[in-house]
Amino acid sequence: MKPRLLSLKIPDETATMIREMHPELKKKIKSGLKIILEEPQTGKLLLNELAGLRSFRVSRFRIIYRVVKKEVEIVAIGPRIRIYEETYRLLQKKK
């Protein structure tokens, strides 16, 4: 097992959402987070308004994240059907 070079930053509301998920989905999300930490470039690069972010597919859900220095910052997790719009609104709110 290779040493982890990155740390994971998950917002409190996202961590709470993961804890409340169905056990099977929670297991898949945690596995996805582990893959992202081991290979941060594995996610698909997003374009346009979401440039600088990456998307990792977990079943019908997506993990939206960015790599900043030595940290993987989780921006949002949710179903593919609406996660990109929600992520855009979330980023606009932070500005």
PDB file of N, CA and C in Angstrom:
ATOM      1  N   MET A   1       0.844  -1.177   0.000  1.00  0.00           N
ATOM      2  CA  MET A   1       0.000   0.000   0.000  1.00  0.00           C
ATOM      3  C   MET A   1       0.890   1.241   0.000  1.00  0.00           C
ATOM      4  N   LYS A   2       0.635   2.149  -0.948  1.00  0.00           N
ATOM      5  CA  LYS A   2       1.459   3.351  -1.014  1.00  0.00           C
ATOM      6  C   LYS A   2       0.948   4.409  -0.032  1.00  0.00           C
ATOM      7  N   PRO A   3       1.847   5.264   0.477  1.00  0.00           N
ATOM      8  CA  PRO A   3       1.427   6.286   1.442  1.00  0.00           C
ATOM      9  C   PRO A   3       0.538   7.327   0.771  1.00  0.00           C
ATOM     10  N   ARG A   4      -0.400   7.819   1.536  1.00  0.00           N
ATOM     11  CA  ARG A   4      -1.335   8.830   1.053  1.00  0.00           C
ATOM     12  C   ARG A   4      -0.656  10.189   1.086  1.00  0.00           C
ATOM     13  N   LEU A   5      -0.632  10.861  -0.042  1.00  0.00           N
ATOM     14  CA  LEU A   5      -0.001  12.171  -0.124  1.00  0.00           C
ATOM     15  C   LEU A   5      -1.003  13.305   0.031  1.00  0.00           C
ATOM     16  N   LEU A   6      -2.273  12.977  -0.108  1.00  0.00           N
ATOM     17  CA  LEU A   6      -3.313  13.997  -0.039  1.00  0.00           C
ATOM     18  C   LEU A   6      -4.215  13.770   1.164  1.00  0.00           C
ATOM     19  N   SER A   7      -4.793  14.861   1.643  1.00  0.00           N
ATOM     20  CA  SER A   7      -5.799  14.742   2.698  1.00  0.00           C
ATOM     21  C   SER A   7      -7.165  15.030   2.066  1.00  0.00           C
ATOM     22  N   LEU A   8      -8.203  14.622   2.755  1.00  0.00           N
ATOM     23  CA  LEU A   8      -9.564  14.764   2.248  1.00  0.00           C
ATOM     24  C   LEU A   8     -10.310  15.794   3.080  1.00  0.00           C
ATOM     25  N   LYS A   9     -10.928  16.760   2.401  1.00  0.00           N
ATOM     26  CA  LYS A   9     -11.715  17.786   3.082  1.00  0.00           C
ATOM     27  C   LYS A   9     -13.165  17.651   2.614  1.00  0.00           C
ATOM     28  N   ILE A  10     -14.031  17.304   3.568  1.00  0.00           N
ATOM     29  CA  ILE A  10     -15.457  17.137   3.264  1.00  0.00           C
ATOM     30  C   ILE A  10     -16.257  18.120   4.108  1.00  0.00           C
ATOM     31  N   PRO A  11     -17.092  18.964   3.492  1.00  0.00           N
ATOM     32  CA  PRO A  11     -17.937  19.876   4.272  1.00  0.00           C
ATOM     33  C   PRO A  11     -18.838  19.093   5.231  1.00  0.00           C
ATOM     34  N   ASP A  12     -19.138  19.673   6.373  1.00  0.00           N
ATOM     35  CA  ASP A  12     -19.954  19.009   7.392  1.00  0.00           C
ATOM     36  C   ASP A  12     -21.295  18.518   6.842  1.00  0.00           C
ATOM     37  N   GLU A  13     -21.966  19.346   6.040  1.00  0.00           N
ATOM     38  CA  GLU A  13     -23.277  18.952   5.522  1.00  0.00           C
ATOM     39  C   GLU A  13     -23.167  17.747   4.580  1.00  0.00           C
ATOM     40  N   THR A  14     -22.082  17.667   3.832  1.00  0.00           N
ATOM     41  CA  THR A  14     -21.871  16.524   2.942  1.00  0.00           C
ATOM     42  C   THR A  14     -21.554  15.271   3.747  1.00  0.00           C
ATOM     43  N   ALA A  15     -20.738  15.410   4.781  1.00  0.00           N
ATOM     44  CA  ALA A  15     -20.408  14.271   5.648  1.00  0.00           C
ATOM     45  C   ALA A  15     -21.671  13.733   6.316  1.00  0.00           C
ATOM     46  N   THR A  16     -22.542  14.628   6.750  1.00  0.00           N
ATOM     47  CA  THR A  16     -23.805  14.219   7.366  1.00  0.00           C
ATOM     48  C   THR A  16     -24.673  13.475   6.350  1.00  0.00           C
ATOM     49  N   MET A  17     -24.722  13.980   5.127  1.00  0.00           N
ATOM     50  CA  MET A  17     -25.506  13.340   4.081  1.00  0.00           C
ATOM     51  C   MET A  17     -24.985  11.920   3.816  1.00  0.00           C
ATOM     52  N   ILE A  18     -23.663  11.746   3.779  1.00  0.00           N
ATOM     53  CA  ILE A  18     -23.079  10.420   3.552  1.00  0.00           C
ATOM     54  C   ILE A  18     -23.461   9.472   4.687  1.00  0.00           C
ATOM     55  N   ARG A  19     -23.392   9.952   5.919  1.00  0.00           N
ATOM     56  CA  ARG A  19     -23.741   9.110   7.077  1.00  0.00           C
ATOM     57  C   ARG A  19     -25.186   8.641   7.027  1.00  0.00           C
ATOM     58  N   GLU A  20     -26.070   9.442   6.439  1.00  0.00           N
ATOM     59  CA  GLU A  20     -27.501   9.117   6.406  1.00  0.00           C
ATOM     60  C   GLU A  20     -27.919   8.316   5.169  1.00  0.00           C
ATOM     61  N   MET A  21     -26.975   8.009   4.285  1.00  0.00           N
ATOM     62  CA  MET A  21     -27.291   7.267   3.063  1.00  0.00           C
ATOM     63  C   MET A  21     -27.578   5.806   3.360  1.00  0.00           C
ATOM     64  N   HIS A  22     -28.216   5.157   2.402  1.00  0.00           N
ATOM     65  CA  HIS A  22     -28.436   3.715   2.466  1.00  0.00           C
ATOM     66  C   HIS A  22     -27.058   3.039   2.575  1.00  0.00           C
ATOM     67  N   PRO A  23     -26.937   1.997   3.389  1.00  0.00           N
ATOM     68  CA  PRO A  23     -25.630   1.355   3.609  1.00  0.00           C
ATOM     69  C   PRO A  23     -24.891   0.943   2.330  1.00  0.00           C
ATOM     70  N   GLU A  24     -25.590   0.436   1.333  1.00  0.00           N
ATOM     71  CA  GLU A  24     -24.933   0.027   0.086  1.00  0.00           C
ATOM     72  C   GLU A  24     -24.360   1.231  -0.661  1.00  0.00           C
ATOM     73  N   LEU A  25     -25.141   2.308  -0.737  1.00  0.00           N
ATOM     74  CA  LEU A  25     -24.677   3.508  -1.423  1.00  0.00           C
ATOM     75  C   LEU A  25     -23.536   4.154  -0.641  1.00  0.00           C
ATOM     76  N   LYS A  26     -23.655   4.166   0.686  1.00  0.00           N
ATOM     77  CA  LYS A  26     -22.595   4.723   1.531  1.00  0.00           C
ATOM     78  C   LYS A  26     -21.277   3.989   1.281  1.00  0.00           C
ATOM     79  N   LYS A  27     -21.358   2.678   1.180  1.00  0.00           N
ATOM     80  CA  LYS A  27     -20.174   1.852   0.933  1.00  0.00           C
ATOM     81  C   LYS A  27     -19.537   2.219  -0.417  1.00  0.00           C
ATOM     82  N   LYS A  28     -20.374   2.410  -1.446  1.00  0.00           N
ATOM     83  CA  LYS A  28     -19.878   2.778  -2.772  1.00  0.00           C
ATOM     84  C   LYS A  28     -19.246   4.171  -2.769  1.00  0.00           C
ATOM     85  N   ILE A  29     -19.884   5.110  -2.086  1.00  0.00           N
ATOM     86  CA  ILE A  29     -19.356   6.485  -2.009  1.00  0.00           C
ATOM     87  C   ILE A  29     -17.998   6.479  -1.302  1.00  0.00           C
ATOM     88  N   LYS A  30     -17.899   5.769  -0.181  1.00  0.00           N
ATOM     89  CA  LYS A  30     -16.630   5.702   0.548  1.00  0.00           C
ATOM     90  C   LYS A  30     -15.542   5.062  -0.303  1.00  0.00           C
ATOM     91  N   SER A  31     -15.902   4.052  -1.056  1.00  0.00           N
ATOM     92  CA  SER A  31     -14.951   3.413  -1.957  1.00  0.00           C
ATOM     93  C   SER A  31     -14.495   4.407  -3.036  1.00  0.00           C
ATOM     94  N   GLY A  32     -15.434   5.180  -3.558  1.00  0.00           N
ATOM     95  CA  GLY A  32     -15.110   6.211  -4.545  1.00  0.00           C
ATOM     96  C   GLY A  32     -14.176   7.271  -3.980  1.00  0.00           C
ATOM     97  N   LEU A  33     -14.415   7.677  -2.742  1.00  0.00           N
ATOM     98  CA  LEU A  33     -13.546   8.673  -2.100  1.00  0.00           C
ATOM     99  C   LEU A  33     -12.129   8.119  -1.941  1.00  0.00           C
ATOM    100  N   LYS A  34     -12.028   6.847  -1.618  1.00  0.00           N
ATOM    101  CA  LYS A  34     -10.714   6.218  -1.473  1.00  0.00           C
ATOM    102  C   LYS A  34      -9.967   6.209  -2.815  1.00  0.00           C
ATOM    103  N   ILE A  35     -10.686   5.892  -3.887  1.00  0.00           N
ATOM    104  CA  ILE A  35     -10.080   5.894  -5.226  1.00  0.00           C
ATOM    105  C   ILE A  35      -9.609   7.299  -5.591  1.00  0.00           C
ATOM    106  N   ILE A  36     -10.428   8.301  -5.293  1.00  0.00           N
ATOM    107  CA  ILE A  36     -10.064   9.693  -5.589  1.00  0.00           C
ATOM    108  C   ILE A  36      -8.804  10.088  -4.831  1.00  0.00           C
ATOM    109  N   LEU A  37      -8.693   9.683  -3.569  1.00  0.00           N
ATOM    110  CA  LEU A  37      -7.502  10.014  -2.789  1.00  0.00           C
ATOM    111  C   LEU A  37      -6.252   9.345  -3.362  1.00  0.00           C
ATOM    112  N   GLU A  38      -6.402   8.115  -3.829  1.00  0.00           N
ATOM    113  CA  GLU A  38      -5.255   7.393  -4.379  1.00  0.00           C
ATOM    114  C   GLU A  38      -4.873   7.914  -5.769  1.00  0.00           C
ATOM    115  N   GLU A  39      -5.847   8.271  -6.571  1.00  0.00           N
ATOM    116  CA  GLU A  39      -5.630   8.760  -7.933  1.00  0.00           C
ATOM    117  C   GLU A  39      -6.491   9.996  -8.182  1.00  0.00           C
ATOM    118  N   PRO A  40      -6.088  11.160  -7.706  1.00  0.00           N
ATOM    119  CA  PRO A  40      -6.944  12.351  -7.808  1.00  0.00           C
ATOM    120  C   PRO A  40      -7.276  12.787  -9.239  1.00  0.00           C
ATOM    121  N   GLN A  41      -6.478  12.375 -10.211  1.00  0.00           N
ATOM    122  CA  GLN A  41      -6.745  12.767 -11.600  1.00  0.00           C
ATOM    123  C   GLN A  41      -7.731  11.830 -12.291  1.00  0.00           C
ATOM    124  N   THR A  42      -8.278  10.877 -11.560  1.00  0.00           N
ATOM    125  CA  THR A  42      -9.162   9.869 -12.148  1.00  0.00           C
ATOM    126  C   THR A  42     -10.514  10.427 -12.591  1.00  0.00           C
ATOM    127  N   GLY A  43     -10.986  11.466 -11.950  1.00  0.00           N
ATOM    128  CA  GLY A  43     -12.291  12.033 -12.297  1.00  0.00           C
ATOM    129  C   GLY A  43     -12.263  12.799 -13.602  1.00  0.00           C
ATOM    130  N   LYS A  44     -13.431  12.916 -14.221  1.00  0.00           N
ATOM    131  CA  LYS A  44     -13.577  13.640 -15.481  1.00  0.00           C
ATOM    132  C   LYS A  44     -13.486  15.149 -15.226  1.00  0.00           C
ATOM    133  N   LEU A  45     -12.671  15.832 -16.009  1.00  0.00           N
ATOM    134  CA  LEU A  45     -12.575  17.287 -15.896  1.00  0.00           C
ATOM    135  C   LEU A  45     -13.885  17.923 -16.353  1.00  0.00           C
ATOM    136  N   LEU A  46     -14.370  18.875 -15.588  1.00  0.00           N
ATOM    137  CA  LEU A  46     -15.599  19.586 -15.959  1.00  0.00           C
ATOM    138  C   LEU A  46     -15.241  20.854 -16.721  1.00  0.00           C
ATOM    139  N   LEU A  47     -16.166  21.346 -17.492  1.00  0.00           N
ATOM    140  CA  LEU A  47     -15.922  22.486 -18.378  1.00  0.00           C
ATOM    141  C   LEU A  47     -16.810  23.675 -18.026  1.00  0.00           C
ATOM    142  N   ASN A  48     -16.598  24.761 -18.740  1.00  0.00           N
ATOM    143  CA  ASN A  48     -17.394  25.983 -18.655  1.00  0.00           C
ATOM    144  C   ASN A  48     -17.461  26.532 -17.227  1.00  0.00           C
ATOM    145  N   GLU A  49     -18.669  26.678 -16.687  1.00  0.00           N
ATOM    146  CA  GLU A  49     -18.831  27.291 -15.363  1.00  0.00           C
ATOM    147  C   GLU A  49     -18.221  26.449 -14.247  1.00  0.00           C
ATOM    148  N   LEU A  50     -18.030  25.153 -14.486  1.00  0.00           N
ATOM    149  CA  LEU A  50     -17.489  24.250 -13.465  1.00  0.00           C
ATOM    150  C   LEU A  50     -16.031  23.888 -13.742  1.00  0.00           C
ATOM    151  N   ALA A  51     -15.365  24.676 -14.576  1.00  0.00           N
ATOM    152  CA  ALA A  51     -13.956  24.421 -14.888  1.00  0.00           C
ATOM    153  C   ALA A  51     -13.139  24.439 -13.595  1.00  0.00           C
ATOM    154  N   GLY A  52     -12.187  23.542 -13.510  1.00  0.00           N
ATOM    155  CA  GLY A  52     -11.361  23.425 -12.309  1.00  0.00           C
ATOM    156  C   GLY A  52     -11.850  22.339 -11.366  1.00  0.00           C
ATOM    157  N   LEU A  53     -13.036  21.818 -11.643  1.00  0.00           N
ATOM    158  CA  LEU A  53     -13.606  20.741 -10.829  1.00  0.00           C
ATOM    159  C   LEU A  53     -13.532  19.430 -11.610  1.00  0.00           C
ATOM    160  N   ARG A  54     -13.649  18.347 -10.873  1.00  0.00           N
ATOM    161  CA  ARG A  54     -13.681  17.013 -11.469  1.00  0.00           C
ATOM    162  C   ARG A  54     -14.922  16.279 -10.984  1.00  0.00           C
ATOM    163  N   SER A  55     -15.360  15.323 -11.781  1.00  0.00           N
ATOM    164  CA  SER A  55     -16.535  14.528 -11.450  1.00  0.00           C
ATOM    165  C   SER A  55     -16.150  13.055 -11.483  1.00  0.00           C
ATOM    166  N   PHE A  56     -16.475  12.339 -10.412  1.00  0.00           N
ATOM    167  CA  PHE A  56     -16.207  10.906 -10.330  1.00  0.00           C
ATOM    168  C   PHE A  56     -17.528  10.176 -10.225  1.00  0.00           C
ATOM    169  N   ARG A  57     -17.730   9.198 -11.091  1.00  0.00           N
ATOM    170  CA  ARG A  57     -19.001   8.464 -11.154  1.00  0.00           C
ATOM    171  C   ARG A  57     -19.038   7.335 -10.133  1.00  0.00           C
ATOM    172  N   VAL A  58     -20.116   7.302  -9.341  1.00  0.00           N
ATOM    173  CA  VAL A  58     -20.381   6.217  -8.403  1.00  0.00           C
ATOM    174  C   VAL A  58     -21.849   5.838  -8.593  1.00  0.00           C
ATOM    175  N   SER A  59     -22.085   4.779  -9.340  1.00  0.00           N
ATOM    176  CA  SER A  59     -23.431   4.341  -9.638  1.00  0.00           C
ATOM    177  C   SER A  59     -24.170   5.491 -10.330  1.00  0.00           C
ATOM    178  N   ARG A  60     -25.328   5.885  -9.836  1.00  0.00           N
ATOM    179  CA  ARG A  60     -26.036   7.019 -10.452  1.00  0.00           C
ATOM    180  C   ARG A  60     -25.669   8.350  -9.792  1.00  0.00           C
ATOM    181  N   PHE A  61     -24.749   8.311  -8.858  1.00  0.00           N
ATOM    182  CA  PHE A  61     -24.299   9.514  -8.161  1.00  0.00           C
ATOM    183  C   PHE A  61     -22.982  10.018  -8.740  1.00  0.00           C
ATOM    184  N   ARG A  62     -22.685  11.277  -8.467  1.00  0.00           N
ATOM    185  CA  ARG A  62     -21.413  11.866  -8.859  1.00  0.00           C
ATOM    186  C   ARG A  62     -20.790  12.528  -7.635  1.00  0.00           C
ATOM    187  N   ILE A  63     -19.473  12.400  -7.527  1.00  0.00           N
ATOM    188  CA  ILE A  63     -18.703  13.105  -6.503  1.00  0.00           C
ATOM    189  C   ILE A  63     -17.998  14.231  -7.241  1.00  0.00           C
ATOM    190  N   ILE A  64     -18.318  15.462  -6.889  1.00  0.00           N
ATOM    191  CA  ILE A  64     -17.698  16.634  -7.510  1.00  0.00           C
ATOM    192  C   ILE A  64     -16.610  17.110  -6.556  1.00  0.00           C
ATOM    193  N   TYR A  65     -15.395  17.272  -7.070  1.00  0.00           N
ATOM    194  CA  TYR A  65     -14.268  17.632  -6.206  1.00  0.00           C
ATOM    195  C   TYR A  65     -13.234  18.454  -6.956  1.00  0.00           C
ATOM    196  N   ARG A  66     -12.307  18.992  -6.192  1.00  0.00           N
ATOM    197  CA  ARG A  66     -11.163  19.694  -6.773  1.00  0.00           C
ATOM    198  C   ARG A  66      -9.933  19.342  -5.957  1.00  0.00           C
ATOM    199  N   VAL A  67      -8.789  19.404  -6.602  1.00  0.00           N
ATOM    200  CA  VAL A  67      -7.522  19.147  -5.925  1.00  0.00           C
ATOM    201  C   VAL A  67      -6.843  20.489  -5.732  1.00  0.00           C
ATOM    202  N   VAL A  68      -6.593  20.847  -4.464  1.00  0.00           N
ATOM    203  CA  VAL A  68      -5.942  22.108  -4.124  1.00  0.00           C
ATOM    204  C   VAL A  68      -4.711  21.777  -3.289  1.00  0.00           C
ATOM    205  N   LYS A  69      -3.551  22.048  -3.865  1.00  0.00           N
ATOM    206  CA  LYS A  69      -2.267  21.733  -3.224  1.00  0.00           C
ATOM    207  C   LYS A  69      -2.239  20.261  -2.829  1.00  0.00           C
ATOM    208  N   LYS A  70      -2.191  19.938  -1.568  1.00  0.00           N
ATOM    209  CA  LYS A  70      -2.124  18.538  -1.123  1.00  0.00           C
ATOM    210  C   LYS A  70      -3.439  18.100  -0.485  1.00  0.00           C
ATOM    211  N   GLU A  71      -4.524  18.644  -1.012  1.00  0.00           N
ATOM    212  CA  GLU A  71      -5.832  18.358  -0.424  1.00  0.00           C
ATOM    213  C   GLU A  71      -6.869  18.105  -1.525  1.00  0.00           C
ATOM    214  N   VAL A  72      -7.685  17.087  -1.306  1.00  0.00           N
ATOM    215  CA  VAL A  72      -8.833  16.839  -2.183  1.00  0.00           C
ATOM    216  C   VAL A  72     -10.044  17.426  -1.468  1.00  0.00           C
ATOM    217  N   GLU A  73     -10.629  18.442  -2.075  1.00  0.00           N
ATOM    218  CA  GLU A  73     -11.783  19.114  -1.479  1.00  0.00           C
ATOM    219  C   GLU A  73     -13.056  18.640  -2.176  1.00  0.00           C
ATOM    220  N   ILE A  74     -13.928  18.002  -1.413  1.00  0.00           N
ATOM    221  CA  ILE A  74     -15.205  17.554  -1.948  1.00  0.00           C
ATOM    222  C   ILE A  74     -16.138  18.765  -2.003  1.00  0.00           C
ATOM    223  N   VAL A  75     -16.672  19.032  -3.169  1.00  0.00           N
ATOM    224  CA  VAL A  75     -17.567  20.176  -3.344  1.00  0.00           C
ATOM    225  C   VAL A  75     -19.012  19.748  -3.150  1.00  0.00           C
ATOM    226  N   ALA A  76     -19.384  18.612  -3.760  1.00  0.00           N
ATOM    227  CA  ALA A  76     -20.771  18.136  -3.665  1.00  0.00           C
ATOM    228  C   ALA A  76     -20.841  16.659  -4.033  1.00  0.00           C
ATOM    229  N   ILE A  77     -21.877  16.012  -3.530  1.00  0.00           N
ATOM    230  CA  ILE A  77     -22.179  14.626  -3.889  1.00  0.00           C
ATOM    231  C   ILE A  77     -23.676  14.545  -4.115  1.00  0.00           C
ATOM    232  N   GLY A  78     -24.076  13.937  -5.218  1.00  0.00           N
ATOM    233  CA  GLY A  78     -25.507  13.815  -5.465  1.00  0.00           C
ATOM    234  C   GLY A  78     -25.798  13.073  -6.747  1.00  0.00           C
ATOM    235  N   PRO A  79     -27.090  12.875  -7.033  1.00  0.00           N
ATOM    236  CA  PRO A  79     -27.481  12.162  -8.250  1.00  0.00           C
ATOM    237  C   PRO A  79     -27.113  12.957  -9.502  1.00  0.00           C
ATOM    238  N   ARG A  80     -26.683  12.254 -10.524  1.00  0.00           N
ATOM    239  CA  ARG A  80     -26.223  12.898 -11.751  1.00  0.00           C
ATOM    240  C   ARG A  80     -27.266  13.837 -12.348  1.00  0.00           C
ATOM    241  N   ILE A  81     -28.514  13.496 -12.213  1.00  0.00           N
ATOM    242  CA  ILE A  81     -29.576  14.260 -12.868  1.00  0.00           C
ATOM    243  C   ILE A  81     -29.588  15.740 -12.458  1.00  0.00           C
ATOM    244  N   ARG A  82     -29.112  16.046 -11.233  1.00  0.00           N
ATOM    245  CA  ARG A  82     -29.171  17.456 -10.806  1.00  0.00           C
ATOM    246  C   ARG A  82     -27.900  17.981 -10.144  1.00  0.00           C
ATOM    247  N   ILE A  83     -26.881  17.167  -9.988  1.00  0.00           N
ATOM    248  CA  ILE A  83     -25.719  17.589  -9.212  1.00  0.00           C
ATOM    249  C   ILE A  83     -24.949  18.733  -9.860  1.00  0.00           C
ATOM    250  N   TYR A  84     -24.876  18.778 -11.176  1.00  0.00           N
ATOM    251  CA  TYR A  84     -24.098  19.834 -11.828  1.00  0.00           C
ATOM    252  C   TYR A  84     -24.756  21.202 -11.641  1.00  0.00           C
ATOM    253  N   GLU A  85     -26.080  21.250 -11.745  1.00  0.00           N
ATOM    254  CA  GLU A  85     -26.792  22.511 -11.510  1.00  0.00           C
ATOM    255  C   GLU A  85     -26.657  22.949 -10.052  1.00  0.00           C
ATOM    256  N   GLU A  86     -26.787  21.998  -9.135  1.00  0.00           N
ATOM    257  CA  GLU A  86     -26.648  22.321  -7.705  1.00  0.00           C
ATOM    258  C   GLU A  86     -25.237  22.796  -7.380  1.00  0.00           C
ATOM    259  N   THR A  87     -24.247  22.181  -7.990  1.00  0.00           N
ATOM    260  CA  THR A  87     -22.852  22.589  -7.761  1.00  0.00           C
ATOM    261  C   THR A  87     -22.640  24.010  -8.260  1.00  0.00           C
ATOM    262  N   TYR A  88     -23.180  24.329  -9.427  1.00  0.00           N
ATOM    263  CA  TYR A  88     -23.053  25.680  -9.961  1.00  0.00           C
ATOM    264  C   TYR A  88     -23.692  26.697  -9.015  1.00  0.00           C
ATOM    265  N   ARG A  89     -24.897  26.400  -8.537  1.00  0.00           N
ATOM    266  CA  ARG A  89     -25.573  27.316  -7.589  1.00  0.00           C
ATOM    267  C   ARG A  89     -24.763  27.460  -6.300  1.00  0.00           C
ATOM    268  N   LEU A  90     -24.217  26.360  -5.818  1.00  0.00           N
ATOM    269  CA  LEU A  90     -23.412  26.378  -4.591  1.00  0.00           C
ATOM    270  C   LEU A  90     -22.187  27.259  -4.767  1.00  0.00           C
ATOM    271  N   LEU A  91     -21.524  27.153  -5.909  1.00  0.00           N
ATOM    272  CA  LEU A  91     -20.346  27.980  -6.175  1.00  0.00           C
ATOM    273  C   LEU A  91     -20.707  29.448  -6.297  1.00  0.00           C
ATOM    274  N   GLN A  92     -21.862  29.751  -6.894  1.00  0.00           N
ATOM    275  CA  GLN A  92     -22.312  31.133  -7.026  1.00  0.00           C
ATOM    276  C   GLN A  92     -22.613  31.736  -5.655  1.00  0.00           C
ATOM    277  N   LYS A  93     -23.164  30.918  -4.766  1.00  0.00           N
ATOM    278  CA  LYS A  93     -23.500  31.374  -3.415  1.00  0.00           C
ATOM    279  C   LYS A  93     -22.235  31.732  -2.629  1.00  0.00           C
ATOM    280  N   LYS A  94     -21.143  30.994  -2.856  1.00  0.00           N
ATOM    281  CA  LYS A  94     -19.887  31.219  -2.139  1.00  0.00           C
ATOM    282  C   LYS A  94     -19.186  32.488  -2.594  1.00  0.00           C
ATOM    283  N   LYS A  95     -19.495  32.963  -3.828  1.00  0.00           N
ATOM    284  CA  LYS A  95     -18.820  34.166  -4.357  1.00  0.00           C
ATOM    285  C   LYS A  95     -19.301  35.429  -3.717  1.00  0.00           C
TER     286      LYS A  95
END
